[in-house]
PDB file of all heavy atoms in Angstrom:
ATOM      1  N   ALA A   1       0.333  -2.092  -1.137  1.00  0.00           N
ATOM      2  CA  ALA A   1       0.189  -3.290  -0.302  1.00  0.00           C
ATOM      3  C   ALA A   1       0.283  -2.921   1.181  1.00  0.00           C
ATOM      4  O   ALA A   1      -0.435  -3.474   2.012  1.00  0.00           O
ATOM      5  CB  ALA A   1       1.252  -4.322  -0.658  1.00  0.00           C
ATOM      6  N   LEU A   2       1.144  -1.974   1.495  1.00  0.00           N
ATOM      7  CA  LEU A   2       1.302  -1.524   2.882  1.00  0.00           C
ATOM      8  C   LEU A   2      -0.023  -0.995   3.423  1.00  0.00           C
ATOM      9  O   LEU A   2      -0.431  -1.327   4.534  1.00  0.00           O
ATOM     10  CB  LEU A   2       2.385  -0.436   2.939  1.00  0.00           C
ATOM     11  CG  LEU A   2       2.694   0.161   4.291  1.00  0.00           C
ATOM     12  CD1 LEU A   2       3.393  -0.867   5.171  1.00  0.00           C
ATOM     13  CD2 LEU A   2       3.580   1.388   4.122  1.00  0.00           C
ATOM     14  N   PHE A   3      -0.707  -0.183   2.626  1.00  0.00           N
ATOM     15  CA  PHE A   3      -1.956   0.404   3.089  1.00  0.00           C
ATOM     16  C   PHE A   3      -3.141  -0.542   2.984  1.00  0.00           C
ATOM     17  O   PHE A   3      -4.180  -0.299   3.572  1.00  0.00           O
ATOM     18  CB  PHE A   3      -2.221   1.731   2.380  1.00  0.00           C
ATOM     19  CG  PHE A   3      -1.281   2.794   2.846  1.00  0.00           C
ATOM     20  CD1 PHE A   3      -0.251   3.225   2.041  1.00  0.00           C
ATOM     21  CD2 PHE A   3      -1.385   3.322   4.116  1.00  0.00           C
ATOM     22  CE1 PHE A   3       0.642   4.181   2.490  1.00  0.00           C
ATOM     23  CE2 PHE A   3      -0.506   4.269   4.579  1.00  0.00           C
ATOM     24  CZ  PHE A   3       0.516   4.707   3.759  1.00  0.00           C
ATOM     25  N   LYS A   4      -2.987  -1.637   2.263  1.00  0.00           N
ATOM     26  CA  LYS A   4      -4.015  -2.674   2.240  1.00  0.00           C
ATOM     27  C   LYS A   4      -3.763  -3.689   3.343  1.00  0.00           C
ATOM     28  O   LYS A   4      -4.421  -4.701   3.424  1.00  0.00           O
ATOM     29  CB  LYS A   4      -4.021  -3.390   0.880  1.00  0.00           C
ATOM     30  CG  LYS A   4      -4.574  -2.567  -0.240  1.00  0.00           C
ATOM     31  CD  LYS A   4      -4.590  -3.383  -1.518  1.00  0.00           C
ATOM     32  CE  LYS A   4      -5.155  -2.591  -2.664  1.00  0.00           C
ATOM     33  NZ  LYS A   4      -5.150  -3.364  -3.911  1.00  0.00           N
ATOM     34  N   HIS A   5      -2.738  -3.390   4.179  1.00  0.00           N
ATOM     35  CA  HIS A   5      -2.367  -4.251   5.304  1.00  0.00           C
ATOM     36  C   HIS A   5      -1.903  -5.631   4.852  1.00  0.00           C
ATOM     37  O   HIS A   5      -2.148  -6.624   5.511  1.00  0.00           O
ATOM     38  CB  HIS A   5      -3.510  -4.360   6.316  1.00  0.00           C
ATOM     39  CG  HIS A   5      -4.002  -3.029   6.764  1.00  0.00           C
ATOM     40  ND1 HIS A   5      -3.194  -2.125   7.411  1.00  0.00           N
ATOM     41  CD2 HIS A   5      -5.212  -2.426   6.655  1.00  0.00           C
ATOM     42  CE1 HIS A   5      -3.886  -1.032   7.680  1.00  0.00           C
ATOM     43  NE2 HIS A   5      -5.104  -1.184   7.228  1.00  0.00           N
ATOM     44  N   THR A   6      -1.247  -5.663   3.698  1.00  0.00           N
ATOM     45  CA  THR A   6      -0.643  -6.892   3.206  1.00  0.00           C
ATOM     46  C   THR A   6       0.721  -7.045   3.861  1.00  0.00           C
ATOM     47  O   THR A   6       1.442  -6.067   4.025  1.00  0.00           O
ATOM     48  CB  THR A   6      -0.497  -6.825   1.670  1.00  0.00           C
ATOM     49  OG1 THR A   6      -1.775  -6.560   1.106  1.00  0.00           O
ATOM     50  CG2 THR A   6       0.044  -8.118   1.111  1.00  0.00           C
ATOM     51  N   ALA A   7       1.065  -8.255   4.203  1.00  0.00           N
ATOM     52  CA  ALA A   7       2.363  -8.493   4.841  1.00  0.00           C
ATOM     53  C   ALA A   7       3.494  -8.086   3.898  1.00  0.00           C
ATOM     54  O   ALA A   7       3.411  -8.294   2.692  1.00  0.00           O
ATOM     55  CB  ALA A   7       2.505  -9.962   5.211  1.00  0.00           C
ATOM     56  N   PRO A   8       4.562  -7.479   4.444  1.00  0.00           N
ATOM     57  CA  PRO A   8       5.712  -7.128   3.612  1.00  0.00           C
ATOM     58  C   PRO A   8       6.327  -8.388   2.977  1.00  0.00           C
ATOM     59  O   PRO A   8       6.222  -9.476   3.529  1.00  0.00           O
ATOM     60  CB  PRO A   8       6.708  -6.508   4.604  1.00  0.00           C
ATOM     61  CG  PRO A   8       5.898  -6.132   5.807  1.00  0.00           C
ATOM     62  CD  PRO A   8       4.739  -7.088   5.842  1.00  0.00           C
ATOM     63  N   GLU A   9       6.959  -8.224   1.812  1.00  0.00           N
ATOM     64  CA  GLU A   9       7.653  -9.328   1.145  1.00  0.00           C
ATOM     65  C   GLU A   9       9.047  -9.442   1.737  1.00  0.00           C
ATOM     66  O   GLU A   9       9.994  -8.805   1.273  1.00  0.00           O
ATOM     67  CB  GLU A   9       7.719  -9.077  -0.361  1.00  0.00           C
ATOM     68  CG  GLU A   9       6.379  -9.145  -1.046  1.00  0.00           C
ATOM     69  CD  GLU A   9       6.490  -8.913  -2.546  1.00  0.00           C
ATOM     70  OE1 GLU A   9       7.546  -9.226  -3.142  1.00  0.00           O
ATOM     71  OE2 GLU A   9       5.514  -8.415  -3.113  1.00  0.00           O
ATOM     72  N   MET A  10       9.161 -10.235   2.786  1.00  0.00           N
ATOM     73  CA  MET A  10      10.407 -10.337   3.531  1.00  0.00           C
ATOM     74  C   MET A  10      11.444 -11.164   2.790  1.00  0.00           C
ATOM     75  O   MET A  10      11.153 -12.254   2.308  1.00  0.00           O
ATOM     76  CB  MET A  10      10.151 -10.943   4.906  1.00  0.00           C
ATOM     77  CG  MET A  10       9.096 -10.189   5.719  1.00  0.00           C
ATOM     78  SD  MET A  10       9.577  -8.509   6.047  1.00  0.00           S
ATOM     79  CE  MET A  10       9.941  -8.650   7.772  1.00  0.00           C
ATOM     80  N   VAL A  11      12.661 -10.602   2.702  1.00  0.00           N
ATOM     81  CA  VAL A  11      13.805 -11.284   2.105  1.00  0.00           C
ATOM     82  C   VAL A  11      15.012 -11.039   3.004  1.00  0.00           C
ATOM     83  O   VAL A  11      15.004 -10.140   3.842  1.00  0.00           O
ATOM     84  CB  VAL A  11      14.098 -10.759   0.675  1.00  0.00           C
ATOM     85  CG1 VAL A  11      12.929 -11.028  -0.259  1.00  0.00           C
ATOM     86  CG2 VAL A  11      14.453  -9.287   0.685  1.00  0.00           C
ATOM     87  N   ASP A  12      16.049 -11.847   2.818  1.00  0.00           N
ATOM     88  CA  ASP A  12      17.312 -11.566   3.498  1.00  0.00           C
ATOM     89  C   ASP A  12      17.923 -10.351   2.820  1.00  0.00           C
ATOM     90  O   ASP A  12      18.164 -10.369   1.615  1.00  0.00           O
ATOM     91  CB  ASP A  12      18.258 -12.768   3.413  1.00  0.00           C
ATOM     92  CG  ASP A  12      17.796 -13.915   4.287  1.00  0.00           C
ATOM     93  OD1 ASP A  12      17.154 -13.655   5.327  1.00  0.00           O
ATOM     94  OD2 ASP A  12      18.067 -15.076   3.937  1.00  0.00           O
ATOM     95  N   LEU A  13      18.171  -9.308   3.591  1.00  0.00           N
ATOM     96  CA  LEU A  13      18.566  -8.026   3.023  1.00  0.00           C
ATOM     97  C   LEU A  13      19.891  -7.554   3.595  1.00  0.00           C
ATOM     98  O   LEU A  13      20.060  -7.475   4.814  1.00  0.00           O
ATOM     99  CB  LEU A  13      17.465  -6.993   3.325  1.00  0.00           C
ATOM    100  CG  LEU A  13      17.676  -5.573   2.838  1.00  0.00           C
ATOM    101  CD1 LEU A  13      17.734  -5.525   1.317  1.00  0.00           C
ATOM    102  CD2 LEU A  13      16.539  -4.680   3.344  1.00  0.00           C
ATOM    103  N   ASP A  14      20.824  -7.238   2.696  1.00  0.00           N
ATOM    104  CA  ASP A  14      22.088  -6.620   3.067  1.00  0.00           C
ATOM    105  C   ASP A  14      21.852  -5.111   3.059  1.00  0.00           C
ATOM    106  O   ASP A  14      21.792  -4.490   1.987  1.00  0.00           O
ATOM    107  CB  ASP A  14      23.173  -7.015   2.062  1.00  0.00           C
ATOM    108  CG  ASP A  14      24.531  -6.418   2.379  1.00  0.00           C
ATOM    109  OD1 ASP A  14      24.616  -5.383   3.080  1.00  0.00           O
ATOM    110  OD2 ASP A  14      25.530  -6.982   1.902  1.00  0.00           O
ATOM    111  N   ILE A  15      21.695  -4.513   4.243  1.00  0.00           N
ATOM    112  CA  ILE A  15      21.329  -3.104   4.349  1.00  0.00           C
ATOM    113  C   ILE A  15      22.415  -2.203   3.776  1.00  0.00           C
ATOM    114  O   ILE A  15      22.118  -1.172   3.177  1.00  0.00           O
ATOM    115  CB  ILE A  15      20.956  -2.718   5.805  1.00  0.00           C
ATOM    116  CG1 ILE A  15      20.222  -1.374   5.851  1.00  0.00           C
ATOM    117  CG2 ILE A  15      22.170  -2.696   6.701  1.00  0.00           C
ATOM    118  CD1 ILE A  15      18.813  -1.410   5.337  1.00  0.00           C
ATOM    119  N   ASN A  16      23.689  -2.590   3.917  1.00  0.00           N
ATOM    120  CA  ASN A  16      24.770  -1.774   3.354  1.00  0.00           C
ATOM    121  C   ASN A  16      24.685  -1.726   1.830  1.00  0.00           C
ATOM    122  O   ASN A  16      24.867  -0.670   1.219  1.00  0.00           O
ATOM    123  CB  ASN A  16      26.137  -2.294   3.794  1.00  0.00           C
ATOM    124  CG  ASN A  16      26.424  -1.979   5.251  1.00  0.00           C
ATOM    125  OD1 ASN A  16      25.812  -1.112   5.860  1.00  0.00           O
ATOM    126  ND2 ASN A  16      27.372  -2.705   5.820  1.00  0.00           N
ATOM    127  N   LYS A  17      24.391  -2.858   1.225  1.00  0.00           N
ATOM    128  CA  LYS A  17      24.235  -2.917  -0.235  1.00  0.00           C
ATOM    129  C   LYS A  17      23.048  -2.054  -0.667  1.00  0.00           C
ATOM    130  O   LYS A  17      23.126  -1.328  -1.668  1.00  0.00           O
ATOM    131  CB  LYS A  17      24.039  -4.369  -0.674  1.00  0.00           C
ATOM    132  CG  LYS A  17      24.048  -4.573  -2.157  1.00  0.00           C
ATOM    133  CD  LYS A  17      23.968  -6.056  -2.486  1.00  0.00           C
ATOM    134  CE  LYS A  17      23.928  -6.289  -3.978  1.00  0.00           C
ATOM    135  NZ  LYS A  17      23.820  -7.711  -4.317  1.00  0.00           N
ATOM    136  N   LEU A  18      21.964  -2.095   0.104  1.00  0.00           N
ATOM    137  CA  LEU A  18      20.785  -1.284  -0.214  1.00  0.00           C
ATOM    138  C   LEU A  18      21.110   0.206  -0.104  1.00  0.00           C
ATOM    139  O   LEU A  18      20.678   0.998  -0.948  1.00  0.00           O
ATOM    140  CB  LEU A  18      19.617  -1.657   0.706  1.00  0.00           C
ATOM    141  CG  LEU A  18      18.288  -0.986   0.364  1.00  0.00           C
ATOM    142  CD1 LEU A  18      17.748  -1.518  -0.962  1.00  0.00           C
ATOM    143  CD2 LEU A  18      17.282  -1.220   1.466  1.00  0.00           C
ATOM    144  N   ILE A  19      21.875   0.592   0.909  1.00  0.00           N
ATOM    145  CA  ILE A  19      22.274   1.998   1.055  1.00  0.00           C
ATOM    146  C   ILE A  19      23.063   2.448  -0.172  1.00  0.00           C
ATOM    147  O   ILE A  19      22.813   3.527  -0.720  1.00  0.00           O
ATOM    148  CB  ILE A  19      23.084   2.203   2.348  1.00  0.00           C
ATOM    149  CG1 ILE A  19      22.177   2.049   3.575  1.00  0.00           C
ATOM    150  CG2 ILE A  19      23.780   3.576   2.348  1.00  0.00           C
ATOM    151  CD1 ILE A  19      22.931   1.959   4.894  1.00  0.00           C
ATOM    152  N   LEU A  20      24.002   1.632  -0.615  1.00  0.00           N
ATOM    153  CA  LEU A  20      24.798   1.983  -1.792  1.00  0.00           C
ATOM    154  C   LEU A  20      23.928   2.080  -3.047  1.00  0.00           C
ATOM    155  O   LEU A  20      24.149   2.946  -3.900  1.00  0.00           O
ATOM    156  CB  LEU A  20      25.933   0.982  -1.983  1.00  0.00           C
ATOM    157  CG  LEU A  20      26.999   1.008  -0.871  1.00  0.00           C
ATOM    158  CD1 LEU A  20      28.010  -0.118  -1.075  1.00  0.00           C
ATOM    159  CD2 LEU A  20      27.687   2.367  -0.786  1.00  0.00           C
ATOM    160  N   GLN A  21      22.912   1.211  -3.160  1.00  0.00           N
ATOM    161  CA  GLN A  21      21.987   1.292  -4.294  1.00  0.00           C
ATOM    162  C   GLN A  21      21.201   2.601  -4.265  1.00  0.00           C
ATOM    163  O   GLN A  21      20.998   3.236  -5.302  1.00  0.00           O
ATOM    164  CB  GLN A  21      21.029   0.102  -4.286  1.00  0.00           C
ATOM    165  CG  GLN A  21      21.669  -1.212  -4.644  1.00  0.00           C
ATOM    166  CD  GLN A  21      20.734  -2.403  -4.427  1.00  0.00           C
ATOM    167  OE1 GLN A  21      19.660  -2.281  -3.843  1.00  0.00           O
ATOM    168  NE2 GLN A  21      21.173  -3.566  -4.893  1.00  0.00           N
ATOM    169  N   VAL A  22      20.778   3.011  -3.076  1.00  0.00           N
ATOM    170  CA  VAL A  22      20.040   4.275  -2.940  1.00  0.00           C
ATOM    171  C   VAL A  22      20.954   5.448  -3.299  1.00  0.00           C
ATOM    172  O   VAL A  22      20.520   6.393  -3.971  1.00  0.00           O
ATOM    173  CB  VAL A  22      19.443   4.425  -1.521  1.00  0.00           C
ATOM    174  CG1 VAL A  22      18.939   5.846  -1.276  1.00  0.00           C
ATOM    175  CG2 VAL A  22      18.317   3.423  -1.326  1.00  0.00           C
ATOM    176  N   CYS A  23      22.216   5.392  -2.889  1.00  0.00           N
ATOM    177  CA  CYS A  23      23.161   6.455  -3.236  1.00  0.00           C
ATOM    178  C   CYS A  23      23.314   6.559  -4.751  1.00  0.00           C
ATOM    179  O   CYS A  23      23.353   7.669  -5.306  1.00  0.00           O
ATOM    180  CB  CYS A  23      24.517   6.206  -2.575  1.00  0.00           C
ATOM    181  SG  CYS A  23      24.484   6.397  -0.775  1.00  0.00           S
ATOM    182  N   THR A  24      23.368   5.426  -5.430  1.00  0.00           N
ATOM    183  CA  THR A  24      23.457   5.415  -6.891  1.00  0.00           C
ATOM    184  C   THR A  24      22.173   5.972  -7.502  1.00  0.00           C
ATOM    185  O   THR A  24      22.214   6.790  -8.427  1.00  0.00           O
ATOM    186  CB  THR A  24      23.723   3.983  -7.409  1.00  0.00           C
ATOM    187  OG1 THR A  24      24.953   3.521  -6.850  1.00  0.00           O
ATOM    188  CG2 THR A  24      23.787   3.937  -8.924  1.00  0.00           C
ATOM    189  N   LEU A  25      21.039   5.543  -6.970  1.00  0.00           N
ATOM    190  CA  LEU A  25      19.733   6.002  -7.458  1.00  0.00           C
ATOM    191  C   LEU A  25      19.573   7.512  -7.304  1.00  0.00           C
ATOM    192  O   LEU A  25      19.011   8.177  -8.167  1.00  0.00           O
ATOM    193  CB  LEU A  25      18.625   5.271  -6.688  1.00  0.00           C
ATOM    194  CG  LEU A  25      17.188   5.529  -7.070  1.00  0.00           C
ATOM    195  CD1 LEU A  25      16.898   4.966  -8.456  1.00  0.00           C
ATOM    196  CD2 LEU A  25      16.259   4.886  -6.051  1.00  0.00           C
ATOM    197  N   MET A  26      20.113   8.067  -6.218  1.00  0.00           N
ATOM    198  CA  MET A  26      19.953   9.491  -5.920  1.00  0.00           C
ATOM    199  C   MET A  26      21.131  10.334  -6.411  1.00  0.00           C
ATOM    200  O   MET A  26      21.177  11.538  -6.159  1.00  0.00           O
ATOM    201  CB  MET A  26      19.788   9.677  -4.409  1.00  0.00           C
ATOM    202  CG  MET A  26      18.596   8.956  -3.805  1.00  0.00           C
ATOM    203  SD  MET A  26      17.017   9.536  -4.465  1.00  0.00           S
ATOM    204  CE  MET A  26      16.985  11.197  -3.832  1.00  0.00           C
ATOM    205  N   ALA A  27      22.087   9.723  -7.125  1.00  0.00           N
ATOM    206  CA  ALA A  27      23.320  10.414  -7.529  1.00  0.00           C
ATOM    207  C   ALA A  27      23.061  11.695  -8.322  1.00  0.00           C
ATOM    208  O   ALA A  27      23.735  12.707  -8.105  1.00  0.00           O
ATOM    209  CB  ALA A  27      24.214   9.464  -8.329  1.00  0.00           C
ATOM    210  N   ASP A  28      22.098  11.673  -9.232  1.00  0.00           N
ATOM    211  CA  ASP A  28      21.812  12.875 -10.022  1.00  0.00           C
ATOM    212  C   ASP A  28      21.331  14.022  -9.141  1.00  0.00           C
ATOM    213  O   ASP A  28      21.775  15.164  -9.301  1.00  0.00           O
ATOM    214  CB  ASP A  28      20.778  12.580 -11.113  1.00  0.00           C
ATOM    215  CG  ASP A  28      21.346  11.730 -12.246  1.00  0.00           C
ATOM    216  OD1 ASP A  28      22.586  11.618 -12.348  1.00  0.00           O
ATOM    217  OD2 ASP A  28      20.535  11.170 -13.017  1.00  0.00           O
TER     218      ASP A  28
END
């Protein structure tokens, strides 16, 4: 969608929570 120039799907985002999710995702 980014390369088709579609607008991002904007939501209210807790960046700290997202960072912790990425840490869990990358834990292995």
